[in-house]
Protein backbone atom coordinates (compact mmCIF):
# COMPACT_ATOMS: atom_id res chain seq x y z
CA UNK A 1 118.81 127.19 93.65
CA UNK A 2 116.21 124.75 94.94
CA UNK A 3 112.98 125.42 93.06
CA UNK A 4 114.20 124.94 89.48
CA UNK A 5 116.20 121.72 90.09
CA UNK A 6 113.31 120.26 92.09
CA UNK A 7 110.67 120.97 89.45
CA UNK A 8 112.94 119.85 86.60
CA UNK A 9 113.76 116.61 88.37
CA UNK A 10 110.13 115.86 89.19
CA UNK A 11 109.07 116.50 85.59
CA UNK A 12 111.66 114.05 84.29
CA UNK A 13 110.63 111.49 86.91
CA UNK A 14 107.02 111.79 85.75
CA UNK A 15 108.15 111.05 82.19
CA UNK A 16 109.41 107.53 83.05
CA UNK A 17 106.04 105.87 82.55
CA UNK A 18 105.18 108.14 79.61
CA UNK A 19 108.38 107.10 77.83
CA UNK A 20 107.58 103.44 78.46
CA UNK A 21 104.12 104.00 77.01
CA UNK A 22 105.45 105.61 73.83
CA UNK A 23 108.00 102.87 73.13
CA UNK A 24 105.64 100.03 74.04
CA UNK A 25 102.85 101.52 71.93
CA UNK A 26 105.18 101.76 68.94
CA UNK A 27 107.08 98.53 69.46
CA UNK A 28 104.51 96.14 70.92
CA UNK A 29 101.07 97.57 70.26
CA UNK A 30 97.85 98.38 72.09
CA UNK A 31 97.85 95.30 74.32
CA UNK A 32 101.30 96.14 75.63
CA UNK A 33 100.25 99.73 76.23
CA UNK A 34 97.13 98.56 78.07
CA UNK A 35 99.28 96.30 80.27
CA UNK A 36 101.53 99.20 81.26
CA UNK A 37 98.56 101.45 82.04
CA UNK A 38 97.18 98.78 84.38
CA UNK A 39 100.46 98.65 86.32
CA UNK A 40 100.93 102.45 86.49
CA UNK A 41 98.98 102.80 89.78
CA UNK A 42 101.46 100.46 91.48
CA UNK A 43 104.40 102.50 90.19
CA UNK A 44 102.64 105.62 91.47
CA UNK A 45 102.22 104.05 94.92
CA UNK A 46 105.97 103.30 95.07
CA UNK A 47 106.75 106.90 94.13
CA UNK A 48 104.23 108.22 96.64
CA UNK A 49 105.64 106.18 99.52
CA UNK A 50 109.16 107.34 98.70
CA UNK A 51 108.08 110.98 98.61
CA UNK A 52 105.95 110.62 101.75
CA UNK A 53 108.88 109.30 103.80
CA UNK A 54 111.47 111.48 102.06
CA UNK A 55 109.64 114.79 102.30
CA UNK A 56 108.48 114.17 105.87
CA UNK A 57 111.84 112.91 107.10
CA UNK A 58 113.95 115.49 105.31
CA UNK A 59 111.79 118.33 106.64
CA UNK A 60 112.37 117.17 110.20
CA UNK A 61 116.08 116.76 109.44
CA UNK A 62 116.28 120.34 108.11
CA UNK A 63 114.71 121.67 111.30
CA UNK A 64 117.11 119.64 113.46
CA UNK A 65 120.13 120.76 111.45
CA UNK A 66 119.06 124.39 111.88
CA UNK A 67 118.97 123.71 115.64
CA UNK A 68 122.49 122.17 115.35
CA UNK A 69 121.21 118.75 116.40
CA UNK A 70 123.16 116.75 113.83
CA UNK A 71 123.04 113.51 115.81
CA UNK A 72 119.24 113.53 115.93
CA UNK A 73 119.10 114.53 112.27
CA UNK A 74 121.27 111.55 111.30
CA UNK A 75 119.03 109.28 113.37
CA UNK A 76 115.91 110.48 111.50
CA UNK A 77 117.67 109.90 108.18
CA UNK A 78 118.57 106.34 109.18
CA UNK A 79 115.03 105.65 110.40
CA UNK A 80 113.58 106.96 107.13
CA UNK A 81 115.80 104.70 105.03
CA UNK A 82 114.99 101.66 107.18
CA UNK A 83 111.27 102.48 107.00
CA UNK A 84 111.43 102.71 103.19
CA UNK A 85 113.20 99.36 102.95
CA UNK A 86 110.85 97.62 105.40
CA UNK A 87 107.66 98.87 103.74
CA UNK A 88 108.80 98.05 100.23
CA UNK A 89 110.06 94.57 101.06
CA UNK A 90 106.66 93.83 102.59
CA UNK A 91 104.76 95.19 99.58
CA UNK A 92 107.05 93.42 97.11
CA UNK A 93 106.66 90.02 98.75
CA UNK A 94 102.88 90.47 99.04
CA UNK A 95 102.64 91.63 95.41
CA UNK A 96 104.71 88.77 93.99
CA UNK A 97 102.71 86.19 95.96
CA UNK A 98 99.40 87.68 94.78
CA UNK A 99 100.34 88.94 91.34
CA UNK A 100 97.39 87.31 89.55
CA UNK A 101 94.77 88.67 91.98
CA UNK A 102 96.44 92.09 91.91
CA UNK A 103 96.47 92.16 88.10
CA UNK A 104 92.77 91.41 87.79
CA UNK A 105 91.91 93.79 90.63
CA UNK A 106 93.60 96.60 88.68
CA UNK A 107 91.58 95.83 85.54
CA UNK A 108 93.43 93.13 83.63
CA UNK A 109 91.61 90.54 81.52
CA UNK A 110 92.60 87.12 80.22
CA UNK A 111 93.93 88.52 76.94
CA UNK A 112 96.48 90.93 78.37
CA UNK A 113 97.14 89.17 81.68
CA UNK A 114 100.44 87.57 80.49
CA UNK A 115 101.74 91.03 79.54
CA UNK A 116 100.52 92.59 82.77
CA UNK A 117 102.15 89.81 84.77
CA UNK A 118 105.49 90.17 82.96
CA UNK A 119 105.60 93.93 83.45
CA UNK A 120 104.30 93.92 87.02
CA UNK A 121 106.69 91.20 88.19
CA UNK A 122 109.75 93.22 87.16
CA UNK A 123 108.34 96.50 88.47
CA UNK A 124 107.69 94.82 91.83
CA UNK A 125 111.27 93.53 91.92
CA UNK A 126 112.52 97.10 91.40
CA UNK A 127 110.04 98.57 93.91
CA UNK A 128 112.66 99.17 96.59
CA UNK A 129 114.79 101.06 94.06
CA UNK A 130 111.91 103.37 93.08
CA UNK A 131 110.95 104.16 96.67
CA UNK A 132 114.42 104.47 98.16
CA UNK A 133 115.55 106.61 95.23
CA UNK A 134 112.75 109.10 95.87
CA UNK A 135 113.45 109.10 99.62
CA UNK A 136 117.17 109.75 99.11
CA UNK A 137 116.39 112.46 96.54
CA UNK A 138 114.47 114.44 99.14
CA UNK A 139 117.25 114.11 101.70
CA UNK A 140 119.96 115.07 99.21
CA UNK A 141 118.01 118.18 98.23
CA UNK A 142 117.58 119.24 101.86
CA UNK A 143 121.23 118.39 102.56
CA UNK A 144 122.30 121.17 100.25
CA UNK A 145 122.63 119.17 97.02
CA UNK A 146 119.60 120.11 94.85
CA UNK A 147 121.66 119.89 91.64
CA UNK A 148 122.75 116.34 92.47
CA UNK A 149 119.13 115.39 93.08
CA UNK A 150 118.11 116.86 89.72
CA UNK A 151 121.05 115.23 87.93
CA UNK A 152 120.10 111.78 89.26
CA UNK A 153 116.49 112.15 88.13
CA UNK A 154 117.47 113.41 84.67
CA UNK A 155 120.14 110.72 84.27
CA UNK A 156 117.57 108.07 85.20
CA UNK A 157 115.20 109.43 82.57
CA UNK A 158 117.87 109.44 79.85
CA UNK A 159 118.97 105.88 80.69
CA UNK A 160 115.34 104.75 80.65
CA UNK A 161 114.85 106.37 77.23
CA UNK A 162 117.93 104.76 75.69
CA UNK A 163 117.35 101.31 77.19
CA UNK A 164 113.68 101.35 76.15
CA UNK A 165 114.79 101.67 72.55
CA UNK A 166 117.48 98.99 72.85
CA UNK A 167 115.42 96.45 74.80
CA UNK A 168 112.18 96.84 72.82
CA UNK A 169 113.35 97.48 69.26
CA UNK A 170 116.74 95.75 69.21
CA UNK A 171 116.43 92.90 71.71
CA UNK A 172 112.64 92.46 71.29
CA UNK A 173 112.09 91.90 75.01
CA UNK A 174 108.59 93.39 74.89
CA UNK A 175 107.05 94.76 78.09
CA UNK A 176 109.80 93.05 80.09
CA UNK A 177 112.31 95.28 78.34
CA UNK A 178 110.30 98.39 79.19
CA UNK A 179 110.15 97.37 82.86
CA UNK A 180 113.88 96.59 83.03
CA UNK A 181 114.70 99.93 81.36
CA UNK A 182 112.61 101.83 83.92
CA UNK A 183 114.19 99.91 86.79
CA UNK A 184 117.74 100.34 85.48
CA UNK A 185 117.33 104.10 85.06
CA UNK A 186 116.13 104.47 88.63
CA UNK A 187 118.83 102.10 89.92
CA UNK A 188 121.69 104.22 88.55
CA UNK A 189 120.27 107.38 90.10
CA UNK A 190 119.74 105.67 93.45
CA UNK A 191 123.30 104.31 93.51
CA UNK A 192 124.73 107.80 92.93
CA UNK A 193 122.63 109.21 95.77
CA UNK A 194 123.57 106.31 98.02
CA UNK A 195 127.26 106.93 97.36
CA UNK A 196 126.77 110.61 98.21
CA UNK A 197 125.56 109.66 101.69
CA UNK A 198 127.93 106.72 102.23
CA UNK A 199 130.92 108.88 101.35
CA UNK A 200 129.59 111.55 103.74
CA UNK A 201 129.66 114.35 101.19
CA UNK A 202 127.00 116.33 103.09
CA UNK A 203 125.90 116.70 106.69
C-alpha cells in the first residue's frame, strides 16, 4: 500500500528534469540543453530540502500519532510547513539577487548565460512550490494517503510533459517555456495536497 505508490511517485518526480531535457534538446538545441543541465543542481537542492523537512517531520508526526498525541503532531506539521516556506523564500531572494554569480559558479559561460538566466529565474520563482510540494507529499503519505501522494506526483509529470510540448513547440517560448511547464506541473500537485490538509481530510 505504501511502497509501490512511493516508488512510482518518486520515479515520476525524477523524470521532470529529464522530460525538460528531451523537449529542449529537440526544440531548442544543445545550448538550451546545456543551460538546463547547469540549473539542475539548484532544482535538486529544492527537492532535497523538501524531502529533508518532509521525511523528518512526517516521521516524528507518525510516532506522535501512534502515541495519540495529535496536538503535538499537528504542531510539528505546522512547523515543518513554516520552515519550508522560510528557507525557500530566503534562498529565492538570494538567488534572484545573485543570479549572474550563481550561473557562472555552476558552470555557465558567456554564450549560454542568457539561456541559463532565463531558466534559472523562473525555477527560482517556483522554488517554494517544488519544496513545499515535496514536504506535503511526505506528510500526506504518512497521514494515510499514499495514493493521493502518488497521484499528485504523476499528475505533475503529465502536466509538465504536455505543457513542455505546447510551450516549446507551439508557443516557441524556449527554455522559459520548459521552466514554466515544470513549475506548473508541480504547482497543480501542491495545490491538491494543500487542499487535502486545509479541508482536514486526514488526521
